[in-house]
N, C-alpha and C. Protein backbone atom coordinates (compact mmCIF):
# COMPACT_ATOMS: atom_id res chain seq x y z
N MET A 1 20.30 -10.85 16.52
CA MET A 1 19.70 -10.71 17.30
C MET A 1 20.29 -9.65 18.41
N THR A 2 19.64 -8.58 18.93
CA THR A 2 20.45 -7.87 19.92
C THR A 2 19.17 -8.36 21.16
N THR A 3 20.45 -8.42 22.52
CA THR A 3 19.75 -8.42 23.94
C THR A 3 19.49 -7.20 24.72
N LYS A 4 18.13 -6.95 25.04
CA LYS A 4 17.83 -5.68 25.67
C LYS A 4 17.71 -6.26 27.34
N THR A 5 18.02 -5.21 27.99
CA THR A 5 18.15 -5.89 29.76
C THR A 5 16.93 -5.05 30.04
N VAL A 6 15.73 -5.43 30.60
CA VAL A 6 14.53 -4.65 31.93
C VAL A 6 14.77 -4.96 32.87
N ASP A 7 14.81 -3.91 33.56
CA ASP A 7 14.74 -4.06 35.07
C ASP A 7 13.20 -4.05 35.68
N ILE A 8 12.81 -5.06 36.09
CA ILE A 8 11.00 -4.92 36.27
C ILE A 8 10.83 -3.92 37.52
N GLN A 9 11.58 -3.66 38.31
CA GLN A 9 11.03 -2.11 39.58
C GLN A 9 11.34 -1.37 39.06
N THR A 10 11.36 -0.83 37.59
CA THR A 10 11.28 0.18 37.14
C THR A 10 11.06 0.77 36.48
N THR A 11 10.77 -0.32 35.30
CA THR A 11 10.54 0.02 33.97
C THR A 11 8.65 0.33 33.70
N GLN A 12 8.73 0.76 32.78
CA GLN A 12 7.21 1.85 32.42
C GLN A 12 6.58 0.69 31.24
N MET A 13 7.79 -0.22 30.90
CA MET A 13 7.15 -1.14 29.89
C MET A 13 6.13 -2.09 29.74
N SER A 14 5.12 -1.60 29.08
CA SER A 14 3.69 -3.27 29.04
C SER A 14 4.55 -4.56 28.72
N ILE A 15 3.61 -5.15 28.97
CA ILE A 15 3.91 -6.79 28.46
C ILE A 15 3.65 -6.76 26.73
N GLN A 16 2.75 -5.97 26.17
CA GLN A 16 3.13 -5.33 24.72
C GLN A 16 4.19 -5.35 24.22
N GLU A 17 4.82 -4.44 24.55
CA GLU A 17 6.29 -3.85 24.37
C GLU A 17 6.89 -5.15 24.56
N LEU A 18 7.55 -5.54 25.55
CA LEU A 18 8.14 -6.80 25.34
C LEU A 18 7.47 -7.76 24.49
N ALA A 19 6.38 -8.16 24.33
CA ALA A 19 5.83 -8.90 22.95
C ALA A 19 6.81 -8.67 22.18
N SER A 20 6.45 -7.12 21.77
CA SER A 20 6.77 -6.55 20.27
C SER A 20 8.85 -6.77 20.25
N LEU A 21 9.05 -6.85 21.28
CA LEU A 21 10.72 -6.84 20.86
C LEU A 21 11.10 -8.06 21.03
N ILE A 22 10.43 -9.42 21.54
CA ILE A 22 10.81 -10.58 21.18
C ILE A 22 10.57 -10.92 19.90
N GLN A 23 8.83 -10.66 19.36
CA GLN A 23 8.38 -10.54 17.81
C GLN A 23 9.61 -10.11 16.76
N ALA A 24 10.40 -8.97 17.06
CA ALA A 24 11.08 -9.03 16.33
C ALA A 24 12.59 -9.24 16.45
N GLY A 25 12.66 -10.14 17.25
CA GLY A 25 13.79 -11.42 17.27
C GLY A 25 14.63 -10.62 18.48
N ASP A 26 14.35 -10.05 19.25
CA ASP A 26 15.24 -9.64 20.44
C ASP A 26 15.22 -10.23 21.23
N GLU A 27 16.49 -10.86 22.12
CA GLU A 27 16.53 -11.50 23.36
C GLU A 27 16.37 -10.39 24.49
N VAL A 28 15.56 -11.17 25.46
CA VAL A 28 15.15 -10.18 26.72
C VAL A 28 15.34 -10.30 27.83
N ILE A 29 15.98 -10.23 28.83
CA ILE A 29 16.47 -10.42 30.16
C ILE A 29 15.82 -9.30 31.02
N LEU A 30 15.48 -10.20 31.55
CA LEU A 30 14.66 -9.49 33.14
C LEU A 30 15.40 -9.60 34.26
N THR A 31 15.26 -8.43 34.88
CA THR A 31 16.25 -8.21 35.83
C THR A 31 15.30 -7.25 37.50
N THR A 32 16.17 -7.94 38.41
CA THR A 32 15.33 -6.80 39.84
C THR A 32 16.55 -6.23 40.31
N GLY A 33 16.80 -5.00 40.03
CA GLY A 33 18.27 -4.19 40.10
C GLY A 33 18.96 -5.12 39.40
N ASP A 34 20.34 -5.19 39.83
CA ASP A 34 21.54 -5.79 38.92
C ASP A 34 21.29 -7.13 38.92
N GLU A 35 20.14 -8.23 39.37
CA GLU A 35 20.25 -9.31 39.60
C GLU A 35 19.23 -10.07 38.24
N PRO A 36 20.06 -10.78 36.94
CA PRO A 36 19.17 -11.20 36.38
C PRO A 36 17.91 -12.44 36.84
N LEU A 37 16.94 -12.41 36.68
CA LEU A 37 15.53 -13.24 36.47
C LEU A 37 15.28 -13.83 36.01
N ALA A 38 15.21 -13.78 34.32
CA ALA A 38 15.30 -14.89 33.27
C ALA A 38 15.43 -13.88 31.91
N ARG A 39 15.69 -15.03 31.34
CA ARG A 39 15.90 -14.68 29.65
C ARG A 39 14.42 -15.07 29.10
N ILE A 40 13.92 -13.93 27.89
CA ILE A 40 12.89 -14.60 27.23
C ILE A 40 13.74 -14.50 25.97
N VAL A 41 13.40 -15.50 24.88
CA VAL A 41 13.79 -15.13 23.86
C VAL A 41 12.84 -15.76 22.45
N PRO A 42 12.90 -15.46 21.31
CA PRO A 42 11.79 -15.98 20.77
C PRO A 42 11.67 -17.33 19.97
N MET A 43 10.29 -17.96 20.32
CA MET A 43 10.40 -19.67 20.04
C MET A 43 11.49 -20.17 19.05
N GLU A 44 11.76 -19.32 17.93
CA GLU A 44 12.38 -20.59 17.10
C GLU A 44 13.48 -20.18 17.51
N LYS A 45 13.94 -19.08 18.46
CA LYS A 45 15.61 -19.57 19.53
C LYS A 45 15.69 -20.39 19.79
N VAL A 46 14.80 -21.36 20.67
CA VAL A 46 14.52 -22.24 21.86
C VAL A 46 14.80 -23.78 21.16
N GLU A 47 16.37 -24.32 21.85
CA GLU A 47 16.23 -25.66 21.29
C GLU A 47 15.16 -26.65 21.31
N LYS A 48 15.36 -27.28 20.27
CA LYS A 48 14.19 -27.99 19.94
C LYS A 48 14.24 -29.35 21.07
N GLN A 49 13.14 -29.57 21.39
CA GLN A 49 13.20 -30.61 22.25
C GLN A 49 13.37 -32.33 21.40
N PRO A 50 14.02 -33.41 22.05
CA PRO A 50 14.10 -34.61 21.65
C PRO A 50 12.67 -34.75 21.05
N GLY A 51 12.83 -36.14 19.90
CA GLY A 51 11.48 -36.32 19.37
C GLY A 51 10.98 -37.59 20.51
N LYS A 52 9.83 -38.38 19.91
CA LYS A 52 9.16 -39.23 20.76
C LYS A 52 10.00 -40.51 20.39
N ARG A 53 9.57 -41.20 22.04
CA ARG A 53 10.33 -42.11 21.82
C ARG A 53 9.91 -43.35 21.13
N THR A 54 10.90 -44.11 20.66
CA THR A 54 10.35 -45.10 19.60
C THR A 54 10.56 -46.60 20.12
N PRO A 55 9.66 -47.58 20.44
CA PRO A 55 10.00 -48.73 21.40
C PRO A 55 9.97 -49.84 20.37
N GLY A 56 10.74 -50.32 20.72
CA GLY A 56 11.77 -51.52 19.76
C GLY A 56 12.92 -51.37 18.88
N LEU A 57 13.06 -49.93 19.43
CA LEU A 57 14.62 -49.22 19.19
C LEU A 57 15.57 -49.79 19.39
N PHE A 58 15.81 -50.32 20.68
CA PHE A 58 16.99 -51.35 21.08
C PHE A 58 16.58 -52.96 21.38
N PRO A 59 16.66 -53.72 20.16
CA PRO A 59 16.23 -54.73 20.45
C PRO A 59 17.18 -55.39 21.91
N GLY A 60 16.67 -56.55 22.42
CA GLY A 60 16.84 -57.03 23.63
C GLY A 60 16.28 -56.56 25.12
N ILE A 61 16.21 -55.16 25.09
CA ILE A 61 16.14 -54.27 26.27
C ILE A 61 14.67 -54.74 26.85
N TRP A 62 14.32 -54.93 27.87
CA TRP A 62 12.61 -55.52 28.15
C TRP A 62 12.12 -54.74 29.65
N MET A 63 11.23 -54.80 29.40
CA MET A 63 10.89 -54.18 30.50
C MET A 63 9.82 -55.44 31.31
N SER A 64 10.06 -55.60 32.79
CA SER A 64 9.01 -56.03 33.45
C SER A 64 7.70 -56.08 33.43
N ASP A 65 6.68 -57.14 33.66
CA ASP A 65 5.21 -57.13 33.75
C ASP A 65 5.21 -56.45 34.66
N ASP A 66 5.78 -56.79 36.15
CA ASP A 66 5.39 -56.10 37.17
C ASP A 66 6.38 -54.95 37.37
N PHE A 67 6.75 -53.63 36.35
CA PHE A 67 7.44 -52.80 36.44
C PHE A 67 6.82 -51.37 37.27
N ASN A 68 5.24 -51.60 36.94
CA ASN A 68 4.44 -50.95 37.57
C ASN A 68 3.92 -50.48 38.67
N ASP A 69 4.24 -51.80 39.23
CA ASP A 69 3.52 -52.72 40.36
C ASP A 69 4.28 -51.72 41.72
N GLU A 70 3.50 -51.47 42.94
CA GLU A 70 3.88 -51.29 43.92
C GLU A 70 4.99 -51.42 44.44
N LEU A 71 6.31 -50.82 45.18
CA LEU A 71 7.12 -51.54 45.65
C LEU A 71 6.88 -52.05 47.33
N PRO A 72 7.05 -53.02 48.09
CA PRO A 72 6.55 -53.28 48.86
C PRO A 72 7.33 -52.87 50.02
N ASP A 73 6.72 -52.78 51.21
CA ASP A 73 7.29 -52.16 52.26
C ASP A 73 8.62 -52.31 52.98
N SER A 74 8.98 -53.41 52.56
CA SER A 74 10.46 -54.24 52.94
C SER A 74 11.63 -53.64 52.12
N PHE A 75 11.03 -53.19 50.79
CA PHE A 75 12.12 -52.08 49.93
C PHE A 75 12.43 -50.96 50.78
N TRP A 76 11.08 -50.12 50.75
CA TRP A 76 11.83 -49.07 51.22
C TRP A 76 12.28 -48.70 53.02
N LEU A 77 12.36 -49.86 53.46
CA LEU A 77 12.57 -49.95 54.78
C LEU A 77 14.10 -50.74 55.33
N GLY A 78 14.36 -50.98 54.05
CA GLY A 78 16.03 -51.61 53.63
C GLY A 78 16.26 -52.95 54.17
N GLU A 79 14.73 -53.20 54.34
CA GLU A 79 14.62 -55.10 54.88
C GLU A 79 15.11 -56.23 53.79
N ASP A 80 14.81 -55.85 52.35
CA ASP A 80 15.08 -56.88 51.14
C ASP A 80 16.56 -57.35 51.32
N GLU A 81 16.73 -58.20 50.91
CA GLU A 81 18.28 -59.23 50.56
C GLU A 81 18.79 -58.79 49.44
N ILE A 82 20.00 -58.26 48.94
CA ILE A 82 20.75 -58.01 48.12
C ILE A 82 21.04 -59.95 47.15
């Protein structure tokens, strides 16, 4: 994989040309002058996200029945006793 640097202020390159570079397996660094803005890599090079969560994977951990209930104003005002 090669890296191409493209200054978006001066390039005449079209988005289709950028896409062709990426499809060919190149990494593209977009810059404004000397300041890097973004790095574009082919999708197969992107790190995979972790899989879905599995309920019950850790026995003994539980969630309170009121987990999604709104918190009382006293919580937000710091008036609850600890």
